[in-house]
């Protein structure tokens, strides 16, 4: 259950009203580059945003500005989507490959601990990242996603075969295939027809990175191969085992007219996964909206996400081991007085301040030369230490 953090929430809402700096994210990969967008200060709270199948980082354009301005949100175009490079010829799009992409991103950003907000396929990817790297992810927000996409074990061989045959057939047709050029309005109609629950504004947002201009019109930027059957799938048993490895707190935000209506999962798959998220550290909620509620109506989910992640921070702070400040007075002579006052302060050469915070954060140490007035400045040093550790 989400804690009510009125004072913290007030500060967060104030921060949301400020303009959030936005920049383009680019990083090299062996086959080209990965792109995306970055919001917030460089050293803000790290949050990785993963979009759904056939979307792009624009999926979070309306949501992120409603989150606290001091968060560092990085929304990426997964390979084959948006402005990111397509995978090399002959290479499949699979979940293990996407997980490798996430690891590349995290290493490039030099994040040690971070949170994930994942929509649909991005949520399934986020679930697997949490399972494989539990030490790295502190919180996971699933936007209309179960966190995993299992397949009936009896169908696994057929699914794999179908994916392979689709790839081979695609490669045969590629020799004679010409890229189709659309007018912008026709591209908009095509995307709207494929995603009827998207608002007109949301369609335009996704097209910002979903098409690029060429002579005579625009072409879609996504790789057609993302439409081919994913040949690497896991059984329900495998998904539940991975789910059990997750140490991050999880928020499951279901849309009332979303996944269950548009892309229903068999009950024997969906129920066990939802039950797996029912622990006391996790939260499952349903909001009014469709599969893209975070894009169409971000104001419905932004406060819930903010409260959840802030309560997660509060809980970590409450459970953290106590921090101890050790002040060592190093004397000029062998005699160490039992008290410090203006008469004996000159007997001290320096003061060593050591912050002992266990495994929560590295120790912070600094030496200060003892001089006139250092006794009276000690409360300021203590206050600075307390502020840094809070």
Protein backbone atom coordinates (compact mmCIF):
# COMPACT_ATOMS: atom_id res chain seq x y z
CA UNK A 1 0.00 0.00 0.00
CA UNK A 2 1.35 3.42 -1.00
CA UNK A 3 2.25 5.60 1.96
CA UNK A 4 0.80 9.11 2.16
CA UNK A 5 3.73 11.50 2.07
CA UNK A 6 2.05 14.89 2.21
CA UNK A 7 5.08 17.05 2.89
CA UNK A 8 7.31 15.23 0.43
CA UNK A 9 4.53 15.18 -2.15
CA UNK A 10 4.09 18.95 -1.76
CA UNK A 11 7.76 19.52 -2.56
CA UNK A 12 7.59 17.09 -5.47
CA UNK A 13 4.53 18.82 -6.94
CA UNK A 14 6.31 22.15 -6.67
CA UNK A 15 9.25 20.68 -8.54
CA UNK A 16 6.94 19.37 -11.27
CA UNK A 17 5.75 22.90 -12.04
CA UNK A 18 9.28 23.93 -12.99
CA UNK A 19 10.46 23.53 -16.56
CA UNK A 20 12.43 20.32 -17.03
CA UNK A 21 15.48 20.48 -19.32
CA UNK A 22 15.28 18.01 -22.21
CA UNK A 23 18.11 16.79 -24.41
CA UNK A 24 18.73 14.11 -27.02
CA UNK A 25 20.30 10.83 -25.88
CA UNK A 26 22.78 9.14 -28.23
CA UNK A 27 25.19 6.28 -27.65
CA UNK A 28 27.17 4.06 -30.03
CA UNK A 29 26.46 0.33 -30.32
CA UNK A 30 28.28 -2.26 -32.48
CA UNK A 31 25.69 -1.94 -35.29
CA UNK A 32 25.09 1.83 -35.15
CA UNK A 33 23.62 3.94 -32.37
CA UNK A 34 20.82 4.06 -29.83
CA UNK A 35 18.81 7.22 -29.40
CA UNK A 36 16.31 8.64 -26.97
CA UNK A 37 15.51 11.64 -24.81
CA UNK A 38 16.76 12.78 -21.41
CA UNK A 39 14.87 14.86 -18.84
CA UNK A 40 16.15 16.37 -15.61
CA UNK A 41 19.48 17.15 -13.96
CA UNK A 42 22.55 15.01 -14.58
CA UNK A 43 22.77 13.81 -10.98
CA UNK A 44 19.03 13.46 -10.38
CA UNK A 45 17.30 10.26 -9.34
CA UNK A 46 17.90 7.79 -12.23
CA UNK A 47 14.80 6.42 -13.97
CA UNK A 48 14.91 4.38 -17.18
CA UNK A 49 11.75 4.48 -19.33
CA UNK A 50 11.12 1.58 -21.73
CA UNK A 51 8.41 1.92 -24.39
CA UNK A 52 6.11 -0.73 -25.80
CA UNK A 53 6.25 -2.71 -29.03
CA UNK A 54 6.27 -0.57 -32.20
CA UNK A 55 6.34 2.68 -30.17
CA UNK A 56 9.33 4.88 -29.34
CA UNK A 57 10.61 7.12 -26.55
CA UNK A 58 7.90 9.65 -27.43
CA UNK A 59 5.57 7.34 -25.53
CA UNK A 60 6.74 9.15 -22.35
CA UNK A 61 6.66 12.74 -23.69
CA UNK A 62 3.50 13.66 -21.78
CA UNK A 63 4.18 11.65 -18.61
CA UNK A 64 7.72 12.63 -17.67
CA UNK A 65 7.04 16.40 -17.43
CA UNK A 66 4.47 15.57 -14.71
CA UNK A 67 7.04 13.68 -12.61
CA UNK A 68 9.39 15.44 -10.16
CA UNK A 69 11.76 17.77 -12.00
CA UNK A 70 14.76 16.55 -10.01
CA UNK A 71 14.52 13.03 -11.46
CA UNK A 72 16.88 12.03 -14.27
CA UNK A 73 14.54 10.26 -16.71
CA UNK A 74 16.07 8.59 -19.76
CA UNK A 75 13.56 7.32 -22.33
CA UNK A 76 15.19 5.28 -25.08
CA UNK A 77 14.23 4.18 -28.57
CA UNK A 78 14.83 0.45 -28.43
CA UNK A 79 16.70 -0.94 -31.48
CA UNK A 80 14.46 -1.05 -34.54
CA UNK A 81 12.24 1.69 -33.07
CA UNK A 82 12.25 5.47 -33.37
CA UNK A 83 15.62 6.95 -34.31
CA UNK A 84 17.71 4.00 -33.06
CA UNK A 85 19.56 1.86 -35.60
CA UNK A 86 17.99 -1.33 -36.89
CA UNK A 87 19.68 -4.59 -35.99
CA UNK A 88 22.02 -6.03 -38.66
CA UNK A 89 20.62 -8.14 -41.49
CA UNK A 90 19.75 -11.68 -40.43
CA UNK A 91 19.52 -10.81 -36.71
CA UNK A 92 16.32 -11.49 -34.75
CA UNK A 93 14.64 -9.12 -32.30
CA UNK A 94 14.45 -11.05 -29.02
CA UNK A 95 14.08 -10.27 -25.33
CA UNK A 96 17.65 -11.38 -24.47
CA UNK A 97 18.92 -8.93 -27.10
CA UNK A 98 16.84 -6.12 -25.60
CA UNK A 99 18.20 -6.96 -22.13
CA UNK A 100 21.72 -6.62 -23.52
CA UNK A 101 20.72 -3.23 -24.93
CA UNK A 102 19.54 -2.09 -21.49
CA UNK A 103 22.84 -3.19 -19.96
CA UNK A 104 24.72 -1.18 -22.58
CA UNK A 105 22.64 1.88 -21.73
CA UNK A 106 23.14 1.53 -17.98
CA UNK A 107 26.89 1.11 -18.36
CA UNK A 108 27.06 4.17 -20.63
CA UNK A 109 25.10 6.21 -18.06
CA UNK A 110 27.24 4.79 -15.22
CA UNK A 111 24.19 4.10 -13.08
CA UNK A 112 24.65 1.75 -10.13
CA UNK A 113 21.03 1.73 -8.90
CA UNK A 114 18.01 2.93 -10.84
CA UNK A 115 14.26 2.55 -11.29
CA UNK A 116 12.40 1.36 -14.39
CA UNK A 117 9.10 2.56 -15.85
CA UNK A 118 8.03 0.15 -18.57
CA UNK A 119 4.97 0.17 -20.80
CA UNK A 120 3.61 -3.07 -22.30
CA UNK A 121 6.60 -4.80 -23.95
CA UNK A 122 8.87 -2.37 -22.09
CA UNK A 123 7.34 -3.65 -18.85
CA UNK A 124 8.05 -7.25 -19.85
CA UNK A 125 11.62 -6.25 -20.60
CA UNK A 126 11.81 -4.42 -17.26
CA UNK A 127 10.64 -7.52 -15.39
CA UNK A 128 13.41 -9.62 -16.89
CA UNK A 129 16.04 -6.95 -16.22
CA UNK A 130 14.93 -6.89 -12.56
CA UNK A 131 15.19 -10.68 -12.37
CA UNK A 132 18.64 -10.90 -13.96
CA UNK A 133 20.11 -7.85 -12.19
CA UNK A 134 18.27 -7.58 -8.85
CA UNK A 135 21.14 -5.65 -7.30
CA UNK A 136 20.74 -2.83 -9.82
CA UNK A 137 17.00 -2.06 -9.86
CA UNK A 138 15.37 -0.49 -6.81
CA UNK A 139 11.83 -0.11 -8.20
CA UNK A 140 9.78 -1.22 -11.21
CA UNK A 141 6.63 0.46 -12.54
CA UNK A 142 4.59 -1.68 -14.95
CA UNK A 143 2.24 0.33 -17.17
CA UNK A 144 -0.47 -2.05 -18.42
CA UNK A 145 1.96 -4.96 -18.41
CA UNK A 146 2.27 -8.24 -16.51
CA UNK A 147 6.06 -7.93 -16.36
CA UNK A 148 6.56 -11.13 -18.36
CA UNK A 149 5.12 -12.61 -21.57
CA UNK A 150 4.90 -16.40 -21.14
CA UNK A 151 3.94 -18.89 -23.82
CA UNK A 152 2.37 -22.32 -23.41
CA UNK A 153 5.24 -24.77 -23.23
CA UNK A 154 3.42 -26.98 -25.73
CA UNK A 155 3.53 -24.15 -28.28
CA UNK A 156 7.18 -23.14 -27.84
CA UNK A 157 8.56 -25.24 -30.71
CA UNK A 158 5.83 -24.02 -33.08
CA UNK A 159 6.44 -20.41 -32.09
CA UNK A 160 10.16 -20.74 -32.72
CA UNK A 161 9.64 -22.43 -36.08
CA UNK A 162 7.15 -19.77 -37.18
CA UNK A 163 9.56 -16.98 -36.29
CA UNK A 164 12.39 -18.58 -38.25
CA UNK A 165 10.20 -19.15 -41.31
CA UNK A 166 8.96 -15.56 -41.18
CA UNK A 167 12.52 -14.25 -41.13
CA UNK A 168 13.57 -16.37 -44.12
CA UNK A 169 10.50 -15.31 -46.07
CA UNK A 170 11.18 -11.67 -45.23
CA UNK A 171 14.76 -11.94 -46.48
CA UNK A 172 13.58 -13.40 -49.80
CA UNK A 173 11.20 -10.50 -50.35
CA UNK A 174 13.72 -7.84 -49.33
CA UNK A 175 15.56 -8.07 -52.67
CA UNK A 176 12.60 -6.65 -54.59
CA UNK A 177 11.06 -4.57 -51.82
CA UNK A 178 10.90 -0.80 -52.15
CA UNK A 179 10.36 1.38 -49.13
CA UNK A 180 6.84 2.78 -49.13
CA UNK A 181 6.53 6.54 -49.00
CA UNK A 182 3.52 8.23 -47.38
CA UNK A 183 2.26 11.74 -47.02
CA UNK A 184 2.32 12.81 -43.37
CA UNK A 185 -1.48 12.65 -43.20
CA UNK A 186 -1.52 9.11 -44.64
CA UNK A 187 1.14 8.02 -42.14
CA UNK A 188 -0.99 9.50 -39.38
CA UNK A 189 -4.05 7.61 -40.63
CA UNK A 190 -2.08 4.36 -40.82
CA UNK A 191 -0.80 4.64 -37.25
CA UNK A 192 -4.24 5.62 -35.98
CA UNK A 193 -5.85 2.64 -37.74
CA UNK A 194 -3.38 0.26 -36.11
CA UNK A 195 -3.84 1.87 -32.66
CA UNK A 196 -7.41 3.11 -32.49
CA UNK A 197 -7.16 3.90 -28.78
CA UNK A 198 -4.51 6.58 -29.41
CA UNK A 199 -5.69 10.19 -29.33
CA UNK A 200 -4.83 12.41 -32.31
CA UNK A 201 -2.29 14.24 -30.15
CA UNK A 202 -0.66 10.95 -29.09
CA UNK A 203 -0.41 9.84 -32.73
CA UNK A 204 1.41 13.06 -33.60
CA UNK A 205 3.78 12.62 -30.65
CA UNK A 206 4.72 9.08 -31.70
CA UNK A 207 5.20 10.20 -35.30
CA UNK A 208 7.83 12.75 -34.21
CA UNK A 209 10.27 9.84 -33.99
CA UNK A 210 8.16 7.33 -35.90
CA UNK A 211 8.68 8.83 -39.36
CA UNK A 212 11.43 10.68 -41.18
CA UNK A 213 11.28 12.91 -44.23
CA UNK A 214 12.43 11.67 -47.65
CA UNK A 215 11.90 12.94 -51.17
CA UNK A 216 8.19 12.78 -51.83
CA UNK A 217 6.96 12.39 -48.26
CA UNK A 218 7.83 10.38 -45.14
CA UNK A 219 8.79 6.79 -44.32
CA UNK A 220 8.30 4.92 -41.05
CA UNK A 221 11.50 4.60 -39.03
CA UNK A 222 10.72 1.28 -37.35
CA UNK A 223 12.22 -1.95 -38.63
CA UNK A 224 9.59 -4.19 -40.22
CA UNK A 225 11.32 -7.17 -38.57
CA UNK A 226 9.94 -6.15 -35.17
CA UNK A 227 6.61 -7.49 -36.48
CA UNK A 228 8.05 -10.99 -36.90
CA UNK A 229 7.33 -13.63 -34.26
CA UNK A 230 9.70 -13.45 -31.29
CA UNK A 231 11.51 -16.79 -31.38
CA UNK A 232 12.85 -16.66 -27.81
CA UNK A 233 9.98 -17.05 -25.34
CA UNK A 234 9.70 -18.41 -21.83
CA UNK A 235 7.20 -20.79 -20.29
CA UNK A 236 5.01 -19.71 -17.37
CA UNK A 237 7.16 -21.79 -15.02
CA UNK A 238 10.30 -19.99 -16.20
CA UNK A 239 8.61 -16.60 -15.87
CA UNK A 240 7.45 -17.33 -12.32
CA UNK A 241 10.95 -18.46 -11.38
CA UNK A 242 12.41 -15.21 -12.72
CA UNK A 243 9.70 -13.25 -10.95
CA UNK A 244 10.75 -14.85 -7.66
CA UNK A 245 14.28 -13.48 -8.12
CA UNK A 246 13.14 -9.85 -8.16
CA UNK A 247 14.04 -7.78 -5.10
CA UNK A 248 12.76 -4.43 -6.42
CA UNK A 249 9.43 -3.06 -5.25
CA UNK A 250 6.86 -3.22 -8.02
CA UNK A 251 3.89 -1.05 -8.97
CA UNK A 252 1.46 -2.67 -11.41
CA UNK A 253 -0.80 -0.07 -13.04
CA UNK A 254 -3.52 -1.77 -15.05
CA UNK A 255 -5.76 0.11 -17.48
CA UNK A 256 -9.48 -0.64 -17.25
CA UNK A 257 -9.79 -0.74 -21.05
CA UNK A 258 -6.23 -1.79 -21.74
CA UNK A 259 -4.26 -5.00 -22.07
CA UNK A 260 -7.03 -7.32 -20.97
CA UNK A 261 -9.38 -5.85 -23.59
CA UNK A 262 -7.03 -5.35 -26.52
CA UNK A 263 -4.37 -8.04 -26.05
CA UNK A 264 -5.91 -10.53 -23.60
CA UNK A 265 -3.67 -13.11 -21.99
CA UNK A 266 -5.08 -16.56 -21.16
CA UNK A 267 -6.33 -16.58 -17.57
CA UNK A 268 -4.01 -19.46 -16.70
CA UNK A 269 -1.09 -17.18 -17.61
CA UNK A 270 -2.30 -13.82 -16.29
CA UNK A 271 -3.57 -14.87 -12.85
CA UNK A 272 -0.34 -16.54 -11.60
CA UNK A 273 1.72 -13.54 -12.72
CA UNK A 274 -0.58 -11.07 -10.96
CA UNK A 275 -0.53 -13.26 -7.85
CA UNK A 276 3.24 -13.12 -8.00
CA UNK A 277 3.11 -9.33 -7.63
CA UNK A 278 0.74 -9.44 -4.64
CA UNK A 279 3.42 -9.21 -1.95
CA UNK A 280 3.16 -6.53 0.75
CA UNK A 281 6.04 -4.54 -0.79
CA UNK A 282 4.23 -4.26 -4.12
CA UNK A 283 1.14 -2.40 -5.28
CA UNK A 284 -1.47 -3.36 -7.89
CA UNK A 285 -3.92 -0.68 -9.04
CA UNK A 286 -6.40 -0.18 -11.88
CA UNK A 287 -6.94 3.22 -13.49
CA UNK A 288 -9.57 4.34 -15.98
CA UNK A 289 -8.11 4.39 -19.46
CA UNK A 290 -6.81 2.39 -22.39
CA UNK A 291 -3.55 0.64 -23.17
CA UNK A 292 -1.78 3.98 -23.71
CA UNK A 293 -3.30 5.76 -20.71
CA UNK A 294 0.16 7.04 -19.69
CA UNK A 295 0.39 8.87 -23.04
CA UNK A 296 -3.26 9.83 -23.59
CA UNK A 297 -4.05 10.77 -19.98
CA UNK A 298 -0.76 11.06 -18.07
CA UNK A 299 -2.38 13.09 -15.29
CA UNK A 300 -4.14 9.90 -14.15
CA UNK A 301 -0.96 7.92 -13.56
CA UNK A 302 1.75 10.51 -12.80
CA UNK A 303 0.65 11.14 -9.16
CA UNK A 304 0.45 7.38 -8.50
CA UNK A 305 3.93 6.77 -9.91
CA UNK A 306 5.34 9.73 -7.99
CA UNK A 307 3.83 8.62 -4.67
CA UNK A 308 5.02 5.06 -5.18
CA UNK A 309 8.62 5.95 -5.98
CA UNK A 310 8.78 8.58 -3.24
CA UNK A 311 7.35 6.12 -0.70
CA UNK A 312 9.96 3.64 -1.86
CA UNK A 313 12.67 6.19 -1.15
CA UNK A 314 11.15 6.95 2.26
CA UNK A 315 10.97 3.28 3.16
CA UNK A 316 14.61 2.71 2.17
CA UNK A 317 15.63 5.63 4.36
CA UNK A 318 13.60 4.28 7.29
CA UNK A 319 15.14 0.83 6.94
CA UNK A 320 18.69 2.06 6.45
CA UNK A 321 21.23 1.26 9.18
CA UNK A 322 21.97 4.16 11.54
CA UNK A 323 24.67 6.58 10.45
CA UNK A 324 27.39 7.34 12.97
CA UNK A 325 29.61 10.39 13.04
CA UNK A 326 33.01 9.77 14.58
CA UNK A 327 35.05 12.84 15.48
CA UNK A 328 38.67 12.04 16.29
CA UNK A 329 40.69 14.81 17.92
CA UNK A 330 44.35 14.36 17.10
CA UNK A 331 46.55 15.98 19.80
CA UNK A 332 49.87 17.75 19.33
CA UNK A 333 51.23 16.00 22.41
CA UNK A 334 50.79 12.63 24.06
CA UNK A 335 48.48 14.05 26.71
CA UNK A 336 44.84 14.03 25.57
CA UNK A 337 42.51 16.22 27.65
CA UNK A 338 39.13 14.86 28.54
CA UNK A 339 37.23 17.94 27.42
CA UNK A 340 37.46 20.59 24.74
CA UNK A 341 37.28 24.28 25.57
CA UNK A 342 38.89 27.57 24.58
CA UNK A 343 41.81 26.91 26.95
CA UNK A 344 42.98 23.57 25.52
CA UNK A 345 41.83 23.84 21.87
CA UNK A 346 45.35 24.79 20.71
CA UNK A 347 46.59 21.36 21.81
CA UNK A 348 44.84 19.80 18.76
CA UNK A 349 46.58 19.65 15.40
CA UNK A 350 43.57 18.61 13.31
CA UNK A 351 40.15 17.08 13.46
CA UNK A 352 39.28 13.94 11.51
CA UNK A 353 35.61 13.57 10.68
CA UNK A 354 34.53 10.17 9.45
CA UNK A 355 31.02 9.32 8.32
CA UNK A 356 30.32 5.64 8.84
CA UNK A 357 27.27 4.64 6.82
CA UNK A 358 27.69 0.90 6.47
CA UNK A 359 26.75 -0.35 3.02
CA UNK A 360 24.30 2.43 2.36
CA UNK A 361 26.85 4.92 1.03
CA UNK A 362 30.63 5.21 0.97
CA UNK A 363 32.28 6.74 4.01
CA UNK A 364 32.76 10.48 3.83
CA UNK A 365 35.90 11.75 5.52
CA UNK A 366 37.61 15.13 5.70
CA UNK A 367 40.34 16.75 7.78
CA UNK A 368 40.01 20.24 9.15
CA UNK A 369 42.97 22.18 10.53
CA UNK A 370 42.39 23.23 14.11
CA UNK A 371 42.44 26.98 14.36
CA UNK A 372 40.81 29.81 16.26
CA UNK A 373 37.09 29.32 16.50
CA UNK A 374 37.00 25.70 15.35
CA UNK A 375 35.07 24.64 18.44
CA UNK A 376 32.27 27.06 17.61
CA UNK A 377 32.19 25.88 13.95
CA UNK A 378 31.83 22.22 14.94
CA UNK A 379 28.00 22.47 15.08
CA UNK A 380 28.08 23.68 11.47
CA UNK A 381 30.15 20.66 10.49
CA UNK A 382 27.70 18.37 12.25
CA UNK A 383 24.78 20.09 10.51
CA UNK A 384 26.41 19.69 7.11
CA UNK A 385 27.04 16.00 7.80
CA UNK A 386 23.45 15.43 8.93
CA UNK A 387 22.14 17.18 5.82
CA UNK A 388 24.30 15.07 3.52
CA UNK A 389 23.21 11.83 5.15
CA UNK A 390 19.50 12.69 5.23
